[in-house]
Every structure is written in C-alpha cells, then in structure tokens.
Protein backbone atom coordinates (compact mmCIF):
# COMPACT_ATOMS: atom_id res chain seq x y z
CA UNK A 1 109.67 102.47 118.57
CA UNK A 2 108.57 101.52 115.03
CA UNK A 3 112.13 100.95 113.80
CA UNK A 4 112.86 98.50 116.66
CA UNK A 5 109.67 96.57 116.07
CA UNK A 6 110.29 96.45 112.31
CA UNK A 7 113.88 95.27 112.76
CA UNK A 8 112.87 92.54 115.24
CA UNK A 9 109.91 91.53 113.09
CA UNK A 10 112.09 91.14 110.00
CA UNK A 11 114.61 89.07 111.92
CA UNK A 12 111.99 86.80 113.47
CA UNK A 13 110.17 86.16 110.17
CA UNK A 14 113.49 85.44 108.44
CA UNK A 15 114.54 83.06 111.22
CA UNK A 16 111.12 81.33 110.92
CA UNK A 17 111.56 81.05 107.09
CA UNK A 18 108.32 83.02 106.55
CA UNK A 19 108.42 85.10 103.38
CA UNK A 20 106.97 88.57 103.92
CA UNK A 21 106.92 92.22 102.92
CA UNK A 22 105.99 95.37 104.82
CA UNK A 23 103.12 97.27 103.19
CA UNK A 24 100.86 100.11 104.24
CA UNK A 25 101.89 103.31 105.98
CA UNK A 26 105.35 102.14 106.96
CA UNK A 27 106.18 101.48 103.31
CA UNK A 28 104.65 104.83 102.28
CA UNK A 29 107.10 106.50 104.72
CA UNK A 30 109.92 104.86 102.75
CA UNK A 31 108.69 105.79 99.26
CA UNK A 32 106.21 108.63 99.57
CA UNK A 33 105.44 111.62 101.72
CA UNK A 34 105.85 111.40 105.50
CA UNK A 35 102.58 110.86 107.28
CA UNK A 36 101.22 109.62 110.58
CA UNK A 37 100.77 105.90 110.81
CA UNK A 38 99.92 103.94 113.92
CA UNK A 39 100.48 100.39 112.73
CA UNK A 40 102.62 97.97 110.78
CA UNK A 41 101.04 95.87 108.01
CA UNK A 42 102.89 92.69 107.02
CA UNK A 43 101.88 90.55 104.05
CA UNK A 44 102.99 86.99 104.64
CA UNK A 45 103.93 84.56 101.90
CA UNK A 46 101.98 81.81 103.68
CA UNK A 47 98.32 81.01 104.12
CA UNK A 48 96.31 80.72 107.28
CA UNK A 49 97.44 77.08 107.75
CA UNK A 50 100.63 78.67 109.21
CA UNK A 51 98.71 80.51 111.94
CA UNK A 52 100.38 78.54 114.78
CA UNK A 53 103.84 79.55 113.50
CA UNK A 54 102.81 83.22 113.23
CA UNK A 55 101.35 83.17 116.76
CA UNK A 56 104.61 81.69 118.05
CA UNK A 57 106.62 84.39 116.29
CA UNK A 58 104.31 87.12 117.57
CA UNK A 59 104.67 85.82 121.16
CA UNK A 60 108.44 85.97 120.89
CA UNK A 61 108.05 89.59 119.80
CA UNK A 62 105.76 90.48 122.67
CA UNK A 63 102.83 90.92 120.23
CA UNK A 64 99.47 89.90 121.70
CA UNK A 65 96.78 88.60 119.28
CA UNK A 66 93.73 90.90 119.57
CA UNK A 67 90.77 88.68 118.54
CA UNK A 68 89.31 86.50 121.29
CA UNK A 69 88.52 83.74 118.83
CA UNK A 70 91.76 83.99 116.92
CA UNK A 71 91.33 81.00 114.59
CA UNK A 72 87.78 81.92 113.56
CA UNK A 73 88.79 85.56 113.01
CA UNK A 74 91.80 84.61 110.82
CA UNK A 75 89.74 82.14 108.79
CA UNK A 76 87.17 84.90 108.07
CA UNK A 77 89.51 87.79 107.43
CA UNK A 78 92.94 86.27 106.56
CA UNK A 79 94.40 88.81 109.04
CA UNK A 80 95.92 88.30 112.50
CA UNK A 81 95.80 91.68 114.29
CA UNK A 82 98.25 91.94 117.16
CA UNK A 83 99.43 94.66 119.52
CA UNK A 84 102.86 95.34 121.03
CA UNK A 85 102.28 95.04 124.75
CA UNK A 86 104.85 97.70 125.57
CA UNK A 87 104.17 100.47 123.01
CA UNK A 88 100.59 99.75 121.97
CA UNK A 89 101.66 99.66 118.32
CA UNK A 90 99.45 97.40 116.23
CA UNK A 91 101.00 94.83 113.86
CA UNK A 92 98.66 93.16 111.38
CA UNK A 93 99.82 89.90 109.82
CA UNK A 94 98.05 89.39 106.43
CA UNK A 95 98.02 85.84 105.17
CA UNK A 96 98.34 85.45 101.41
CA UNK A 97 98.35 82.78 98.75
CA UNK A 98 97.80 84.34 95.34
CA UNK A 99 100.32 84.33 92.48
CA UNK A 100 100.41 88.13 92.63
CA UNK A 101 101.30 88.19 96.33
CA UNK A 102 104.02 85.58 95.84
CA UNK A 103 105.53 87.65 93.00
CA UNK A 104 105.28 90.87 95.06
CA UNK A 105 107.04 89.27 98.03
CA UNK A 106 109.80 88.01 95.71
CA UNK A 107 110.19 91.60 94.47
CA UNK A 108 110.39 93.08 97.99
CA UNK A 109 113.29 95.42 98.70
CA UNK A 110 115.80 94.75 101.46
CA UNK A 111 116.03 97.83 103.70
CA UNK A 112 118.47 98.10 106.58
CA UNK A 113 116.82 99.13 109.85
CA UNK A 114 118.91 99.05 113.03
CA UNK A 115 121.48 96.89 111.24
CA UNK A 116 118.86 94.27 110.39
CA UNK A 117 117.32 93.62 106.96
CA UNK A 118 113.59 94.28 106.63
CA UNK A 119 111.73 93.45 103.44
CA UNK A 120 109.47 96.22 102.14
CA UNK A 121 107.10 96.00 99.20
CA UNK A 122 108.55 97.52 96.06
CA UNK A 123 107.16 100.94 95.12
CA UNK A 124 105.18 99.32 92.31
CA UNK A 125 103.60 96.69 94.57
CA UNK A 126 102.85 99.32 97.20
CA UNK A 127 101.05 101.37 94.48
CA UNK A 128 99.07 98.27 93.46
CA UNK A 129 98.04 97.65 97.09
CA UNK A 130 97.04 101.27 97.59
CA UNK A 131 94.99 101.44 94.36
CA UNK A 132 93.28 98.17 95.36
CA UNK A 133 92.42 99.57 98.81
CA UNK A 134 91.06 102.67 97.08
CA UNK A 135 90.39 104.96 100.02
CA UNK A 136 91.12 108.65 99.49
CA UNK A 137 94.21 108.43 101.78
CA UNK A 138 95.47 105.44 99.79
CA UNK A 139 95.02 107.26 96.47
CA UNK A 140 96.88 110.26 97.94
CA UNK A 141 99.67 107.84 98.87
CA UNK A 142 99.81 106.61 95.26
CA UNK A 143 100.17 110.19 94.05
CA UNK A 144 102.98 110.92 96.54
CA UNK A 145 104.90 107.77 95.57
CA UNK A 146 104.58 108.58 91.85
CA UNK A 147 105.76 112.12 92.47
CA UNK A 148 108.75 111.00 94.54
CA UNK A 149 109.69 107.96 92.33
CA UNK A 150 108.67 108.76 88.75
CA UNK A 151 110.74 105.83 87.37
CA UNK A 152 108.35 103.15 88.63
CA UNK A 153 107.66 100.18 86.27
CA UNK A 154 104.35 101.37 84.84
CA UNK A 155 103.75 98.27 82.61
CA UNK A 156 104.07 96.01 85.71
CA UNK A 157 101.56 98.10 87.68
CA UNK A 158 99.14 98.33 84.78
CA UNK A 159 99.36 94.57 84.07
CA UNK A 160 98.35 93.58 87.59
CA UNK A 161 95.64 96.20 87.94
CA UNK A 162 94.16 94.99 84.64
CA UNK A 163 94.30 91.41 85.95
CA UNK A 164 92.49 92.44 89.14
CA UNK A 165 89.88 94.29 87.08
CA UNK A 166 89.15 91.08 85.13
CA UNK A 167 88.75 88.95 88.23
CA UNK A 168 86.75 91.55 90.16
CA UNK A 169 84.19 92.31 87.41
CA UNK A 170 85.74 95.54 86.22
CA UNK A 171 86.52 97.18 89.53
CA UNK A 172 88.02 100.10 87.65
CA UNK A 173 91.43 99.84 89.34
CA UNK A 174 93.43 100.52 86.21
CA UNK A 175 91.17 103.48 85.37
CA UNK A 176 91.75 104.96 88.88
CA UNK A 177 95.54 104.57 88.47
CA UNK A 178 95.56 106.18 85.02
CA UNK A 179 93.45 109.08 86.35
CA UNK A 180 96.10 109.72 89.02
CA UNK A 181 98.91 109.49 86.42
CA UNK A 182 97.12 111.87 84.08
CA UNK A 183 96.52 114.40 86.88
CA UNK A 184 100.20 114.35 87.75
CA UNK A 185 101.18 114.87 84.07
CA UNK A 186 98.67 117.75 83.75
CA UNK A 187 100.07 119.44 86.86
CA UNK A 188 103.64 119.10 85.55
CA UNK A 189 102.64 120.63 82.21
CA UNK A 190 100.83 123.55 83.87
CA UNK A 191 104.04 124.48 85.76
CA UNK A 192 106.12 124.74 82.58
C-alpha cells in the first residue's frame, strides 16, 4: 500500500514540477530501524500560494483533503492533511519556504520504488527534522539512524541545529543532538 502511494506521489509531484522530499516515519524506515508508521509526510519546496496545485495533484492521487476549511487550515498550519480514500493512509503535504528546507530538498536522495523515483530526505536532514520535532520517538529515531549510518555529515547537522538554536532563542537542539551522539559513543566504548 505505502509503496504504491509513495511511487505515485513521487511521479505526480515530479510531473507537476513541485520539488519535494519524503520525511518522517517513511524515511526512518529507509535509514533507521523498522517501526510502525501510519502516514506519509512530504515536505514541499513551495509555499502555501501553491495550494491549488497541490489540491489538484492530491485529487489525481485519490487523496481527500481532511480540513473542512482547507485554505484557512493551511494558512494557519502550513500543512495540508489528506487521506487516501481506498486505504485510509494519511498523506501530509508540508509547505516550506526557508533556505534550510530548499537546501534539504536539493540534497534529497533518489530512491527507486516500484520502478519510479521517489525523493527522500537525506539521513542528515532527517536527523535535523527529528531533533527539531524533539518527541521521545523522534529522538529514538535519531539514535537508530546514527547507529545504522555512522558516516553522516556531522558538521552539516551541527551547523543547521546551531542556526535553529540562534533563531529560536536557544532551543537546545544542538545540545540534544550532542547528548545522543555522546550516549552512542559511551555505549560503544562500554562494549569494547
């Protein structure tokens, strides 16, 4: 179910010339530990002014917008939640416009699913998103990605987390990330 939706989603967004990357649980399945996820999160390289185009794409994909007042909801949240009418799988379109999101989308990895290319956030950008979200499940995801892919670009991750800390009045994102890194290193040393 998920693979078919992802493949069709990637194709439709490419055909519509909408830059994007898959984030969230589906990307964690690619880079981290397998876990249950019930939705697909898509960061779009366009802002909410492109809502009509995204609604048109979602309709072609049999994705029904969930909010009753779609325009108002998207303006408030920058998210268009939709649901696949056949499977009940939720697909959230996240509108973006920041320099970081543009760079992250440009760094997205092409992954073949059902003979179609789907763009997934890089491991580094997925880690940044997960640290930013900050829930215990997200931080566990960061740990699993770091354990599975120890060669991530640490300076890139640390640069962006430090930038977010500056703009968010010291949210402590870089500190959280370094705590996870240090705990992984301590665990590795204790097994030697």
